[in-house]
Every structure is written in structure tokens, then in C-alpha cells.
Amino acid sequence: SWFFPWSEFQLNSTISSSYLFDIVFVIAVFFFYRVSFKSLLGKLKIQTEILRTIVVLSYGLVCLLFIHLLGLETPFRYIDHQLIQLLILAPIIEEFVFRGAFFLVGEKIKINPQVNIFFNACLFALSHLPAIWIISKEFHAFIIFQVFYTFILGWLCAKGRKQTGGILVPIILHFAFNLEFLLAVKYLNL
């Protein structure tokens, strides 16, 4: 869907109309493999998930520090409905796409679990790259950095998906990471 002319179907908002494609894609994959959403919750171990969340939050702080030290301009302050996009749409829809549908396909075609985690993290990171063709040049350095930091975030989320068997943990991790960025936008002018 990267090369589809979404801008021609875009409403007067920075909320991407491509989320509609993502939702249809996830439903199609789940229907094809006869997966129920309930089966994707996974098995949680509270202490492990708290530790995993602390790791992701620490990683988020490191990313924010690098953004500050490198003096990267970020586009987050220009996003409409930041709360909705950063804390609801991105964590839920992106996790259903990457740790739900794509990860499931990797499992069903019997890709080695470690390769599936790595490939999933690569896809997630690369999914952030097309922004470089859409947004202003002042943000290009940030987008390149974002591809690298989302690889690690994607790896952590995919690892959580594999270990719990569900997408609830990746959604929580993605939410926590994005919450830090939202707070940095609001209070630190990121």
C-alpha cells in the first residue's frame, strides 16, 4: 500500500486514510487463517510485562535524548489529534498489522521464530520510511533516525508477541513508547 496514492483520498487531516487499508488487510488475514481476535490476547505474566514495559520506556527516553542531542526536527507537533493518532490508532492498528497479521503469516508459513521476529521488526521500521516522500525536508533526518529506532521497538514488540502468543503486550509497549513521545511533544516542544 506504500505506493498507492493515498493523498488523493485523504481527508483534511493528518490522520492517514491508509488506516482503512490496514484494517481491511488485518480482517482478511484473520479471516483467511480463521483466527479469532480473542485468541490473540495471549498469556500474560504481570512481572514480566512490567519489566518489559520498563525496558521500552527506558529505550524511549534514550531515543528522546538522541533526538535532542542530535537536534532533530520532528513532525509530531504538526499531527492533528495527537492523542488519537499516537495513543490509539498507531498502537492498535499498527500492532494488529505487524504483530497480528504479518507475524501470524510468518508463523503459519513456518518461518523460524527468530527470523520472523527480525523480519517483522524490519517491516515495521521500513513502514516508517515512506514519510520521507511526504513530509518536508526539515524532517528527513528524523525519519531516517525513526527507521532505526522503530526497528528496535518493532523487535521488542515482536519478541513480546512471540513470548505471550498475543498482541495485547505489543499494543501496551507501543502505547507506552508513544506516550513518552506525546509527553515530549506537549511539555518539551519535541
Protein backbone atom coordinates (compact mmCIF):
# COMPACT_ATOMS: atom_id res chain seq x y z
CA SER A 1 0.00 0.00 0.00
CA TRP A 2 3.06 2.31 0.22
CA PHE A 3 2.81 3.44 -3.37
CA PHE A 4 -0.95 3.79 -3.54
CA PRO A 5 -1.92 7.47 -4.00
CA TRP A 6 -3.50 7.83 -0.54
CA SER A 7 -3.18 11.61 -0.74
CA GLU A 8 -5.91 11.63 -3.39
CA PHE A 9 -8.27 10.03 -0.88
CA GLN A 10 -7.03 11.95 2.15
CA LEU A 11 -9.48 13.99 4.19
CA ASN A 12 -8.46 17.37 5.55
CA SER A 13 -6.46 15.78 8.38
CA THR A 14 -3.08 14.22 9.09
CA ILE A 15 -4.88 11.00 10.06
CA SER A 16 -3.94 8.72 7.21
CA SER A 17 -6.71 7.23 5.13
CA SER A 18 -4.40 4.23 4.64
CA TYR A 19 -5.55 3.02 8.07
CA LEU A 20 -8.66 1.80 6.24
CA PHE A 21 -6.47 -0.45 4.08
CA ASP A 22 -4.69 -1.68 7.23
CA ILE A 23 -7.98 -2.64 8.88
CA VAL A 24 -9.21 -4.48 5.78
CA PHE A 25 -5.83 -6.25 5.47
CA VAL A 26 -5.91 -7.46 9.09
CA ILE A 27 -9.50 -8.67 8.80
CA ALA A 28 -8.66 -10.52 5.55
CA VAL A 29 -5.62 -12.26 7.08
CA PHE A 30 -7.51 -13.22 10.23
CA PHE A 31 -10.44 -14.48 8.15
CA PHE A 32 -8.11 -16.48 5.84
CA TYR A 33 -6.39 -18.16 8.80
CA ARG A 34 -9.66 -18.40 10.81
CA VAL A 35 -8.22 -16.50 13.75
CA SER A 36 -10.45 -15.04 16.41
CA PHE A 37 -9.49 -11.75 17.97
CA LYS A 38 -9.95 -13.34 21.40
CA SER A 39 -7.24 -15.90 20.65
CA LEU A 40 -4.77 -13.07 20.11
CA LEU A 41 -4.84 -11.79 23.69
CA GLY A 42 -2.03 -14.10 24.75
CA LYS A 43 -0.85 -15.26 28.15
CA LEU A 44 0.45 -12.53 30.39
CA LYS A 45 2.89 -12.75 33.29
CA ILE A 46 2.46 -9.47 35.14
CA GLN A 47 6.03 -9.20 36.49
CA THR A 48 7.49 -9.96 33.06
CA GLU A 49 5.22 -7.43 31.35
CA ILE A 50 6.06 -4.72 33.89
CA LEU A 51 9.77 -5.35 33.31
CA ARG A 52 9.24 -5.39 29.53
CA THR A 53 7.37 -2.07 29.76
CA ILE A 54 10.15 -0.52 31.87
CA VAL A 55 12.67 -1.59 29.22
CA VAL A 56 10.59 0.02 26.46
CA LEU A 57 10.10 3.22 28.48
CA SER A 58 13.86 3.38 29.15
CA TYR A 59 14.52 2.86 25.46
CA GLY A 60 12.06 5.64 24.64
CA LEU A 61 13.95 8.01 26.92
CA VAL A 62 17.21 7.12 25.18
CA CYS A 63 15.58 7.84 21.79
CA LEU A 64 14.27 11.19 23.04
CA LEU A 65 17.72 12.04 24.37
CA PHE A 66 19.31 11.25 20.99
CA ILE A 67 16.69 13.33 19.19
CA HIS A 68 17.52 16.24 21.49
CA LEU A 69 21.31 15.79 21.29
CA LEU A 70 21.24 15.48 17.50
CA GLY A 71 18.92 18.49 17.24
CA LEU A 72 16.48 16.61 15.01
CA GLU A 73 13.30 18.36 13.96
CA THR A 74 10.30 16.10 14.50
CA PRO A 75 6.91 16.35 12.80
CA PHE A 76 4.90 15.24 15.84
CA ARG A 77 3.74 18.72 16.84
CA TYR A 78 2.07 19.09 13.43
CA ILE A 79 -0.06 15.96 13.79
CA ASP A 80 -3.82 16.52 14.10
CA HIS A 81 -5.47 14.81 17.04
CA GLN A 82 -2.14 13.74 18.58
CA LEU A 83 -3.81 11.80 21.36
CA ILE A 84 -5.89 9.75 18.92
CA GLN A 85 -3.08 9.14 16.44
CA LEU A 86 -0.20 8.46 18.83
CA LEU A 87 -2.01 6.64 21.63
CA ILE A 88 -4.90 4.88 19.90
CA LEU A 89 -4.53 4.48 16.14
CA ALA A 90 -0.79 3.81 15.94
CA PRO A 91 -0.51 1.31 18.81
CA ILE A 92 -3.68 -0.58 17.98
CA ILE A 93 -3.78 -0.59 14.18
CA GLU A 94 -0.02 -0.91 13.64
CA GLU A 95 0.19 -3.76 16.14
CA PHE A 96 -2.72 -5.58 14.53
CA VAL A 97 -0.97 -5.21 11.16
CA PHE A 98 2.58 -6.10 12.17
CA ARG A 99 2.36 -8.28 15.29
CA GLY A 100 -1.11 -9.53 14.37
CA ALA A 101 -1.34 -10.19 10.63
CA PHE A 102 2.29 -10.20 9.43
CA PHE A 103 3.57 -12.11 12.44
CA LEU A 104 0.76 -14.65 12.06
CA VAL A 105 1.61 -15.19 8.39
CA GLY A 106 5.24 -15.81 9.38
CA GLU A 107 4.11 -18.39 11.93
CA LYS A 108 1.69 -20.08 9.52
CA ILE A 109 4.29 -20.47 6.78
CA LYS A 110 6.67 -21.85 9.40
CA ILE A 111 9.38 -19.19 9.33
CA ASN A 112 11.96 -19.73 12.07
CA PRO A 113 10.68 -17.76 15.11
CA GLN A 114 13.84 -15.64 15.41
CA VAL A 115 13.76 -14.86 11.69
CA ASN A 116 10.07 -13.98 11.99
CA ILE A 117 10.85 -11.56 14.84
CA PHE A 118 13.70 -9.97 12.85
CA PHE A 119 11.70 -9.77 9.61
CA ASN A 120 8.73 -8.31 11.47
CA ALA A 121 10.91 -5.62 13.06
CA CYS A 122 12.37 -4.79 9.63
CA LEU A 123 8.91 -4.44 8.07
CA PHE A 124 7.78 -2.23 10.93
CA ALA A 125 10.84 0.00 10.63
CA LEU A 126 10.59 0.25 6.86
CA SER A 127 6.90 1.14 7.11
CA HIS A 128 8.00 4.48 8.58
CA LEU A 129 10.30 5.30 5.64
CA PRO A 130 7.68 6.43 3.06
CA ALA A 131 7.07 9.52 5.21
CA ILE A 132 10.30 10.85 3.73
CA TRP A 133 8.47 11.33 0.41
CA ILE A 134 5.52 13.05 2.04
CA ILE A 135 6.82 15.44 4.68
CA SER A 136 9.07 18.48 4.49
CA LYS A 137 12.84 18.06 4.09
CA GLU A 138 13.47 19.56 7.52
CA PHE A 139 12.19 16.27 8.99
CA HIS A 140 14.13 13.85 6.75
CA ALA A 141 16.98 13.32 9.23
CA PHE A 142 14.42 12.44 11.88
CA ILE A 143 12.67 9.96 9.57
CA ILE A 144 15.98 8.16 8.96
CA PHE A 145 16.55 8.05 12.74
CA GLN A 146 12.96 6.88 13.19
CA VAL A 147 13.56 3.91 10.90
CA PHE A 148 16.39 2.80 13.19
CA TYR A 149 14.60 3.31 16.49
CA THR A 150 11.39 1.69 15.23
CA PHE A 151 13.39 -1.38 14.26
CA ILE A 152 14.32 -1.90 17.90
CA LEU A 153 10.80 -1.05 19.08
CA GLY A 154 9.43 -3.49 16.49
CA TRP A 155 11.86 -6.16 17.67
CA LEU A 156 10.80 -5.68 21.31
CA CYS A 157 7.11 -5.82 20.33
CA ALA A 158 7.61 -8.90 18.13
CA LYS A 159 9.53 -10.60 20.93
CA GLY A 160 6.62 -9.83 23.27
CA ARG A 161 4.20 -11.20 20.68
CA LYS A 162 6.16 -14.44 20.39
CA GLN A 163 6.59 -14.90 24.13
CA THR A 164 2.96 -14.19 25.07
CA GLY A 165 1.24 -15.52 21.96
CA GLY A 166 -0.88 -12.38 21.68
CA ILE A 167 -0.89 -8.77 20.58
CA LEU A 168 -2.01 -7.20 23.85
CA VAL A 169 1.58 -6.86 25.09
CA PRO A 170 2.85 -5.27 21.84
CA ILE A 171 -0.07 -2.81 21.95
CA ILE A 172 0.82 -1.86 25.54
CA LEU A 173 4.52 -1.48 24.68
CA HIS A 174 3.78 0.62 21.60
CA PHE A 175 1.34 2.74 23.64
CA ALA A 176 3.92 3.32 26.40
CA PHE A 177 6.61 4.29 23.88
CA ASN A 178 4.29 6.69 22.06
CA LEU A 179 3.06 8.14 25.35
CA GLU A 180 6.60 9.28 26.10
CA PHE A 181 6.80 10.95 22.70
CA LEU A 182 3.41 12.60 23.18
CA LEU A 183 4.52 13.97 26.56
CA ALA A 184 7.76 15.22 24.98
CA VAL A 185 5.73 16.98 22.28
CA LYS A 186 3.42 18.59 24.83
CA TYR A 187 5.92 19.54 27.52
CA LEU A 188 9.35 19.65 25.85
CA ASN A 189 8.39 21.02 22.42
CA LEU A 190 9.71 17.94 20.65
